[in-house]
Amino acid sequence: MSTVREGSKSEQAYTWLRGRISSHAYGPGYRLVLGSIADELQMSVVPVREAIRRLEAEGLVTFQRNVGARVSLVDESEYAHTMQTLGLVEGAATALSAPLLDEATLARAEKINERMLRLLEHFDAHRFTQLNRDFHSVLYEPCPNPHILDLVHRGWGRLSGIRDTTFAFVPGRATHSVEEHTQILELIRTGADPLEIELAARNHRWRTMDAFLNARHPHPTEEGR
């Protein structure tokens, strides 16, 4: 019975810590002190340690000997690698999901995109990013390949520690993002070739990556719109 309680507490600690990291209450570089977190959650350090190990496996936390656990820093190469990989697996998941998406599901995605469009007038990067994830989730969650879907979830998990930065740093990208959502929905609705859908979803993700990296380091390269 105690094992069940410890497992439950570990899950509670994981959810709580992940929420703090995602909301940036614990920003990049923040030191995660086992004892303090355990006291705040009113539990022993054992489930907290397990939760931190789980977050470390997802790339949200890094551990250094003699330093301890810290929220992972925003590393541009890590961001680029994560976005490249997410573009590949999310594109594949969206293409595999496409035949399973009925009109009601597509209409739900379209409504989310319309909310994103309205949000452009009084831009809120955090809310926009939440809606963006909701939109894509509708399109990739029906993916029949659980391995690909797991990789998509892992990719989003890795991004969660820095997920506010892209649209906050390059708000102009948001308008193009909404337009590309409309194009992806049209491809799915018209029964386009799966490869065309996959490439549209992949390039959509990569354009966001390029916009962020080019804004941080302006140079004369093609921005892919």
C-alpha atoms as a PDB file:
ATOM      1  CA  MET A   1       0.000   0.000   0.000  1.00  0.00           C
ATOM      2  CA  SER A   2       2.876   2.369   0.786  1.00  0.00           C
ATOM      3  CA  THR A   3       4.290   1.750  -2.711  1.00  0.00           C
ATOM      4  CA  VAL A   4       1.056   2.980  -4.255  1.00  0.00           C
ATOM      5  CA  ARG A   5       1.134   6.099  -2.096  1.00  0.00           C
ATOM      6  CA  GLU A   6       4.763   6.809  -3.015  1.00  0.00           C
ATOM      7  CA  GLY A   7       3.949   6.361  -6.697  1.00  0.00           C
ATOM      8  CA  SER A   8       1.001   8.694  -6.395  1.00  0.00           C
ATOM      9  CA  LYS A   9       3.114  11.265  -4.577  1.00  0.00           C
ATOM     10  CA  SER A  10       5.810  11.004  -7.239  1.00  0.00           C
ATOM     11  CA  GLU A  11       3.179  11.731  -9.894  1.00  0.00           C
ATOM     12  CA  GLN A  12       1.883  14.677  -7.870  1.00  0.00           C
ATOM     13  CA  ALA A  13       5.399  16.076  -7.486  1.00  0.00           C
ATOM     14  CA  TYR A  14       6.076  15.605 -11.203  1.00  0.00           C
ATOM     15  CA  THR A  15       2.866  17.381 -12.233  1.00  0.00           C
ATOM     16  CA  TRP A  16       3.502  20.234  -9.798  1.00  0.00           C
ATOM     17  CA  LEU A  17       7.137  20.725 -10.825  1.00  0.00           C
ATOM     18  CA  ARG A  18       6.347  20.479 -14.517  1.00  0.00           C
ATOM     19  CA  GLY A  19       3.654  23.107 -14.088  1.00  0.00           C
ATOM     20  CA  ARG A  20       6.064  25.442 -12.302  1.00  0.00           C
ATOM     21  CA  ILE A  21       8.634  25.035 -15.094  1.00  0.00           C
ATOM     22  CA  SER A  22       6.078  25.443 -17.879  1.00  0.00           C
ATOM     23  CA  SER A  23       4.643  28.617 -16.339  1.00  0.00           C
ATOM     24  CA  HIS A  24       8.194  29.948 -15.820  1.00  0.00           C
ATOM     25  CA  ALA A  25       7.676  30.221 -12.077  1.00  0.00           C
ATOM     26  CA  TYR A  26      10.877  28.174 -12.079  1.00  0.00           C
ATOM     27  CA  GLY A  27      12.872  29.728 -14.904  1.00  0.00           C
ATOM     28  CA  PRO A  28      15.963  28.442 -16.725  1.00  0.00           C
ATOM     29  CA  GLY A  29      18.796  27.865 -14.259  1.00  0.00           C
ATOM     30  CA  TYR A  30      16.524  27.744 -11.199  1.00  0.00           C
ATOM     31  CA  ARG A  31      17.961  25.380  -8.575  1.00  0.00           C
ATOM     32  CA  LEU A  32      15.590  22.619  -7.469  1.00  0.00           C
ATOM     33  CA  VAL A  33      16.245  21.956  -3.781  1.00  0.00           C
ATOM     34  CA  LEU A  34      14.803  18.577  -2.785  1.00  0.00           C
ATOM     35  CA  GLY A  35      14.155  19.438   0.847  1.00  0.00           C
ATOM     36  CA  SER A  36      12.424  22.744   0.129  1.00  0.00           C
ATOM     37  CA  ILE A  37      10.189  21.241  -2.561  1.00  0.00           C
ATOM     38  CA  ALA A  38       9.335  18.267  -0.334  1.00  0.00           C
ATOM     39  CA  ASP A  39       8.401  20.627   2.513  1.00  0.00           C
ATOM     40  CA  GLU A  40       6.208  22.724   0.238  1.00  0.00           C
ATOM     41  CA  LEU A  41       4.431  19.634  -1.071  1.00  0.00           C
ATOM     42  CA  GLN A  42       4.306  18.068   2.403  1.00  0.00           C
ATOM     43  CA  MET A  43       5.944  14.814   1.367  1.00  0.00           C
ATOM     44  CA  SER A  44       9.300  13.067   1.704  1.00  0.00           C
ATOM     45  CA  VAL A  45      12.200  13.733  -0.642  1.00  0.00           C
ATOM     46  CA  VAL A  46      11.874  10.274  -2.240  1.00  0.00           C
ATOM     47  CA  PRO A  47       8.931  11.033  -4.587  1.00  0.00           C
ATOM     48  CA  VAL A  48      10.389  14.487  -5.320  1.00  0.00           C
ATOM     49  CA  ARG A  49      13.671  12.877  -6.368  1.00  0.00           C
ATOM     50  CA  GLU A  50      11.791  10.477  -8.643  1.00  0.00           C
ATOM     51  CA  ALA A  51       9.876  13.361 -10.197  1.00  0.00           C
ATOM     52  CA  ILE A  52      13.096  15.281 -10.857  1.00  0.00           C
ATOM     53  CA  ARG A  53      14.673  12.226 -12.483  1.00  0.00           C
ATOM     54  CA  ARG A  54      11.665  11.983 -14.770  1.00  0.00           C
ATOM     55  CA  LEU A  55      11.985  15.672 -15.691  1.00  0.00           C
ATOM     56  CA  GLU A  56      15.703  15.147 -16.316  1.00  0.00           C
ATOM     57  CA  ALA A  57      14.887  12.332 -18.759  1.00  0.00           C
ATOM     58  CA  GLU A  58      12.609  14.759 -20.619  1.00  0.00           C
ATOM     59  CA  GLY A  59      15.372  17.355 -20.841  1.00  0.00           C
ATOM     60  CA  LEU A  60      13.610  19.892 -18.634  1.00  0.00           C
ATOM     61  CA  VAL A  61      16.062  19.489 -15.763  1.00  0.00           C
ATOM     62  CA  THR A  62      19.829  19.055 -15.741  1.00  0.00           C
ATOM     63  CA  PHE A  63      21.846  17.540 -12.894  1.00  0.00           C
ATOM     64  CA  GLN A  64      25.445  18.394 -12.057  1.00  0.00           C
ATOM     65  CA  ARG A  65      27.541  16.754  -9.385  1.00  0.00           C
ATOM     66  CA  ASN A  66      28.144  19.078  -6.412  1.00  0.00           C
ATOM     67  CA  VAL A  67      25.580  21.521  -7.822  1.00  0.00           C
ATOM     68  CA  GLY A  68      22.359  19.544  -7.913  1.00  0.00           C
ATOM     69  CA  ALA A  69      19.315  19.780 -10.135  1.00  0.00           C
ATOM     70  CA  ARG A  70      18.491  22.932 -12.071  1.00  0.00           C
ATOM     71  CA  VAL A  71      15.883  23.870 -14.650  1.00  0.00           C
ATOM     72  CA  SER A  72      17.551  23.480 -18.036  1.00  0.00           C
ATOM     73  CA  LEU A  73      18.933  26.628 -19.632  1.00  0.00           C
ATOM     74  CA  VAL A  74      17.617  27.809 -22.973  1.00  0.00           C
ATOM     75  CA  ASP A  75      20.232  26.397 -25.300  1.00  0.00           C
ATOM     76  CA  GLU A  76      19.854  27.470 -28.919  1.00  0.00           C
ATOM     77  CA  SER A  77      21.300  24.281 -30.354  1.00  0.00           C
ATOM     78  CA  GLU A  78      19.033  22.204 -28.108  1.00  0.00           C
ATOM     79  CA  TYR A  79      16.057  24.315 -29.179  1.00  0.00           C
ATOM     80  CA  ALA A  80      16.960  23.869 -32.854  1.00  0.00           C
ATOM     81  CA  HIS A  81      17.483  20.115 -32.505  1.00  0.00           C
ATOM     82  CA  THR A  82      14.196  19.737 -30.643  1.00  0.00           C
ATOM     83  CA  MET A  83      12.264  21.780 -33.213  1.00  0.00           C
ATOM     84  CA  GLN A  84      13.856  19.897 -36.116  1.00  0.00           C
ATOM     85  CA  THR A  85      12.933  16.563 -34.566  1.00  0.00           C
ATOM     86  CA  LEU A  86       9.455  17.716 -33.592  1.00  0.00           C
ATOM     87  CA  GLY A  87       8.885  18.914 -37.150  1.00  0.00           C
ATOM     88  CA  LEU A  88       9.713  15.445 -38.457  1.00  0.00           C
ATOM     89  CA  VAL A  89       7.650  13.401 -36.014  1.00  0.00           C
ATOM     90  CA  GLU A  90       4.725  15.830 -35.768  1.00  0.00           C
ATOM     91  CA  GLY A  91       4.562  15.998 -39.553  1.00  0.00           C
ATOM     92  CA  ALA A  92       4.421  12.206 -39.739  1.00  0.00           C
ATOM     93  CA  ALA A  93       1.838  11.982 -36.941  1.00  0.00           C
ATOM     94  CA  THR A  94      -0.382  14.597 -38.620  1.00  0.00           C
ATOM     95  CA  ALA A  95      -0.212  12.797 -41.961  1.00  0.00           C
ATOM     96  CA  LEU A  96      -1.076   9.450 -40.353  1.00  0.00           C
ATOM     97  CA  SER A  97      -3.939  11.073 -38.431  1.00  0.00           C
ATOM     98  CA  ALA A  98      -5.409  12.837 -41.459  1.00  0.00           C
ATOM     99  CA  PRO A  99      -7.633   9.962 -42.714  1.00  0.00           C
ATOM    100  CA  LEU A 100      -9.063   9.604 -39.184  1.00  0.00           C
ATOM    101  CA  LEU A 101     -10.046  13.261 -38.766  1.00  0.00           C
ATOM    102  CA  ASP A 102     -13.764  13.769 -39.357  1.00  0.00           C
ATOM    103  CA  GLU A 103     -15.407  17.103 -40.119  1.00  0.00           C
ATOM    104  CA  ALA A 104     -16.367  17.712 -36.491  1.00  0.00           C
ATOM    105  CA  THR A 105     -12.726  17.335 -35.432  1.00  0.00           C
ATOM    106  CA  LEU A 106     -11.500  19.604 -38.214  1.00  0.00           C
ATOM    107  CA  ALA A 107     -14.136  22.171 -37.240  1.00  0.00           C
ATOM    108  CA  ARG A 108     -12.800  22.058 -33.663  1.00  0.00           C
ATOM    109  CA  ALA A 109      -9.280  22.756 -34.924  1.00  0.00           C
ATOM    110  CA  GLU A 110     -10.615  25.562 -37.105  1.00  0.00           C
ATOM    111  CA  LYS A 111     -12.331  27.204 -34.126  1.00  0.00           C
ATOM    112  CA  ILE A 112      -9.069  27.134 -32.177  1.00  0.00           C
ATOM    113  CA  ASN A 113      -7.313  28.759 -35.120  1.00  0.00           C
ATOM    114  CA  GLU A 114     -10.007  31.449 -35.286  1.00  0.00           C
ATOM    115  CA  ARG A 115      -9.370  32.216 -31.607  1.00  0.00           C
ATOM    116  CA  MET A 116      -5.685  32.540 -32.420  1.00  0.00           C
ATOM    117  CA  LEU A 117      -6.543  34.944 -35.238  1.00  0.00           C
ATOM    118  CA  ARG A 118      -8.609  37.142 -32.920  1.00  0.00           C
ATOM    119  CA  LEU A 119      -5.804  37.101 -30.378  1.00  0.00           C
ATOM    120  CA  LEU A 120      -3.468  38.777 -32.874  1.00  0.00           C
ATOM    121  CA  GLU A 121      -5.204  42.134 -32.289  1.00  0.00           C
ATOM    122  CA  HIS A 122      -4.259  42.163 -28.587  1.00  0.00           C
ATOM    123  CA  PHE A 123      -1.367  39.755 -28.649  1.00  0.00           C
ATOM    124  CA  ASP A 124      -0.730  37.492 -25.675  1.00  0.00           C
ATOM    125  CA  ALA A 125       2.235  35.234 -26.507  1.00  0.00           C
ATOM    126  CA  HIS A 126       1.577  32.827 -23.645  1.00  0.00           C
ATOM    127  CA  ARG A 127      -2.101  32.323 -24.523  1.00  0.00           C
ATOM    128  CA  PHE A 128      -1.296  32.127 -28.232  1.00  0.00           C
ATOM    129  CA  THR A 129       1.216  29.350 -27.560  1.00  0.00           C
ATOM    130  CA  GLN A 130      -1.332  27.409 -25.512  1.00  0.00           C
ATOM    131  CA  LEU A 131      -3.857  27.633 -28.341  1.00  0.00           C
ATOM    132  CA  ASN A 132      -1.180  26.685 -30.850  1.00  0.00           C
ATOM    133  CA  ARG A 133      -0.471  23.480 -28.975  1.00  0.00           C
ATOM    134  CA  ASP A 134      -4.206  22.783 -28.675  1.00  0.00           C
ATOM    135  CA  PHE A 135      -4.588  23.204 -32.436  1.00  0.00           C
ATOM    136  CA  HIS A 136      -1.822  20.789 -33.319  1.00  0.00           C
ATOM    137  CA  SER A 137      -2.905  18.325 -30.657  1.00  0.00           C
ATOM    138  CA  VAL A 138      -6.296  17.971 -32.348  1.00  0.00           C
ATOM    139  CA  LEU A 139      -4.534  17.036 -35.578  1.00  0.00           C
ATOM    140  CA  TYR A 140      -1.882  14.622 -34.297  1.00  0.00           C
ATOM    141  CA  GLU A 141      -3.478  12.880 -31.283  1.00  0.00           C
ATOM    142  CA  PRO A 142      -5.458  10.365 -33.422  1.00  0.00           C
ATOM    143  CA  CYS A 143      -2.142   9.083 -34.853  1.00  0.00           C
ATOM    144  CA  PRO A 144      -2.422   5.272 -34.918  1.00  0.00           C
ATOM    145  CA  ASN A 145       1.327   4.775 -34.368  1.00  0.00           C
ATOM    146  CA  PRO A 146       1.939   4.991 -30.599  1.00  0.00           C
ATOM    147  CA  HIS A 147       5.712   5.197 -31.007  1.00  0.00           C
ATOM    148  CA  ILE A 148       5.541   8.280 -33.225  1.00  0.00           C
ATOM    149  CA  LEU A 149       2.943   9.841 -30.933  1.00  0.00           C
ATOM    150  CA  ASP A 150       5.210   9.257 -27.928  1.00  0.00           C
ATOM    151  CA  LEU A 151       8.044  11.065 -29.737  1.00  0.00           C
ATOM    152  CA  VAL A 152       5.719  14.003 -30.450  1.00  0.00           C
ATOM    153  CA  HIS A 153       4.775  14.216 -26.768  1.00  0.00           C
ATOM    154  CA  ARG A 154       8.447  14.076 -25.780  1.00  0.00           C
ATOM    155  CA  GLY A 155       9.257  16.872 -28.207  1.00  0.00           C
ATOM    156  CA  TRP A 156       6.544  19.131 -26.806  1.00  0.00           C
ATOM    157  CA  GLY A 157       7.744  18.226 -23.319  1.00  0.00           C
ATOM    158  CA  ARG A 158      11.261  19.378 -24.127  1.00  0.00           C
ATOM    159  CA  LEU A 159       9.927  22.653 -25.486  1.00  0.00           C
ATOM    160  CA  SER A 160       7.726  23.389 -22.501  1.00  0.00           C
ATOM    161  CA  GLY A 161      10.543  25.017 -20.550  1.00  0.00           C
ATOM    162  CA  ILE A 162      11.020  27.604 -23.317  1.00  0.00           C
ATOM    163  CA  ARG A 163       7.650  27.483 -25.028  1.00  0.00           C
ATOM    164  CA  ASP A 164       6.783  31.137 -24.428  1.00  0.00           C
ATOM    165  CA  THR A 165       9.947  32.490 -26.026  1.00  0.00           C
ATOM    166  CA  THR A 166       9.308  31.994 -29.744  1.00  0.00           C
ATOM    167  CA  PHE A 167       6.126  33.997 -30.277  1.00  0.00           C
ATOM    168  CA  ALA A 168       7.112  36.491 -27.583  1.00  0.00           C
ATOM    169  CA  PHE A 169      10.438  37.108 -29.319  1.00  0.00           C
ATOM    170  CA  VAL A 170       9.093  37.116 -32.891  1.00  0.00           C
ATOM    171  CA  PRO A 171       5.387  38.069 -32.599  1.00  0.00           C
ATOM    172  CA  GLY A 172       5.232  38.680 -36.352  1.00  0.00           C
ATOM    173  CA  ARG A 173       5.572  34.933 -36.850  1.00  0.00           C
ATOM    174  CA  ALA A 174       2.150  34.445 -35.239  1.00  0.00           C
ATOM    175  CA  THR A 175       0.261  35.841 -38.252  1.00  0.00           C
ATOM    176  CA  HIS A 176       2.031  33.486 -40.659  1.00  0.00           C
ATOM    177  CA  SER A 177       1.440  30.604 -38.247  1.00  0.00           C
ATOM    178  CA  VAL A 178      -2.329  31.126 -38.336  1.00  0.00           C
ATOM    179  CA  GLU A 179      -2.248  31.300 -42.145  1.00  0.00           C
ATOM    180  CA  GLU A 180      -0.291  28.057 -42.349  1.00  0.00           C
ATOM    181  CA  HIS A 181      -2.779  26.374 -40.010  1.00  0.00           C
ATOM    182  CA  THR A 182      -5.519  27.227 -42.500  1.00  0.00           C
ATOM    183  CA  GLN A 183      -3.466  25.711 -45.330  1.00  0.00           C
ATOM    184  CA  ILE A 184      -2.856  22.494 -43.373  1.00  0.00           C
ATOM    185  CA  LEU A 185      -6.575  22.155 -42.621  1.00  0.00           C
ATOM    186  CA  GLU A 186      -7.401  22.660 -46.298  1.00  0.00           C
ATOM    187  CA  LEU A 187      -4.962  19.926 -47.333  1.00  0.00           C
ATOM    188  CA  ILE A 188      -6.541  17.496 -44.868  1.00  0.00           C
ATOM    189  CA  ARG A 189     -10.089  18.426 -45.888  1.00  0.00           C
ATOM    190  CA  THR A 190      -9.405  17.916 -49.585  1.00  0.00           C
ATOM    191  CA  GLY A 191      -7.721  14.549 -49.061  1.00  0.00           C
ATOM    192  CA  ALA A 192      -4.294  15.691 -50.208  1.00  0.00           C
ATOM    193  CA  ASP A 193      -1.458  13.207 -50.563  1.00  0.00           C
ATOM    194  CA  PRO A 194      -0.159  12.192 -47.094  1.00  0.00           C
ATOM    195  CA  LEU A 195       3.365  13.299 -48.011  1.00  0.00           C
ATOM    196  CA  GLU A 196       2.079  16.771 -48.901  1.00  0.00           C
ATOM    197  CA  ILE A 197       0.358  17.008 -45.517  1.00  0.00           C
ATOM    198  CA  GLU A 198       3.463  15.749 -43.743  1.00  0.00           C
ATOM    199  CA  LEU A 199       5.710  18.301 -45.472  1.00  0.00           C
ATOM    200  CA  ALA A 200       3.271  21.149 -44.768  1.00  0.00           C
ATOM    201  CA  ALA A 201       3.196  20.319 -41.054  1.00  0.00           C
ATOM    202  CA  ARG A 202       6.971  19.803 -40.932  1.00  0.00           C
ATOM    203  CA  ASN A 203       7.804  23.053 -42.739  1.00  0.00           C
ATOM    204  CA  HIS A 204       5.328  24.915 -40.535  1.00  0.00           C
ATOM    205  CA  ARG A 205       7.289  23.866 -37.453  1.00  0.00           C
ATOM    206  CA  TRP A 206      10.640  24.596 -39.074  1.00  0.00           C
ATOM    207  CA  ARG A 207       9.582  28.099 -40.170  1.00  0.00           C
ATOM    208  CA  THR A 208       8.853  28.947 -36.555  1.00  0.00           C
ATOM    209  CA  MET A 209      12.306  27.685 -35.619  1.00  0.00           C
ATOM    210  CA  ASP A 210      13.943  29.698 -38.410  1.00  0.00           C
ATOM    211  CA  ALA A 211      12.069  32.865 -37.431  1.00  0.00           C
ATOM    212  CA  PHE A 212      13.314  32.578 -33.856  1.00  0.00           C
ATOM    213  CA  LEU A 213      16.930  31.786 -34.733  1.00  0.00           C
ATOM    214  CA  ASN A 214      17.118  34.454 -37.453  1.00  0.00           C
ATOM    215  CA  ALA A 215      15.714  37.074 -35.095  1.00  0.00           C
ATOM    216  CA  ARG A 216      18.394  36.281 -32.534  1.00  0.00           C
ATOM    217  CA  HIS A 217      21.178  36.204 -35.125  1.00  0.00           C
ATOM    218  CA  PRO A 218      20.136  38.236 -38.194  1.00  0.00           C
ATOM    219  CA  HIS A 219      21.918  37.124 -41.315  1.00  0.00           C
ATOM    220  CA  PRO A 220      21.080  37.100 -45.043  1.00  0.00           C
ATOM    221  CA  THR A 221      19.487  33.647 -45.291  1.00  0.00           C
ATOM    222  CA  GLU A 222      16.157  32.545 -46.638  1.00  0.00           C
ATOM    223  CA  GLU A 223      13.622  32.743 -43.837  1.00  0.00           C
ATOM    224  CA  GLY A 224      11.036  30.517 -45.465  1.00  0.00           C
ATOM    225  CA  ARG A 225       8.514  33.329 -45.093  1.00  0.00           C
END
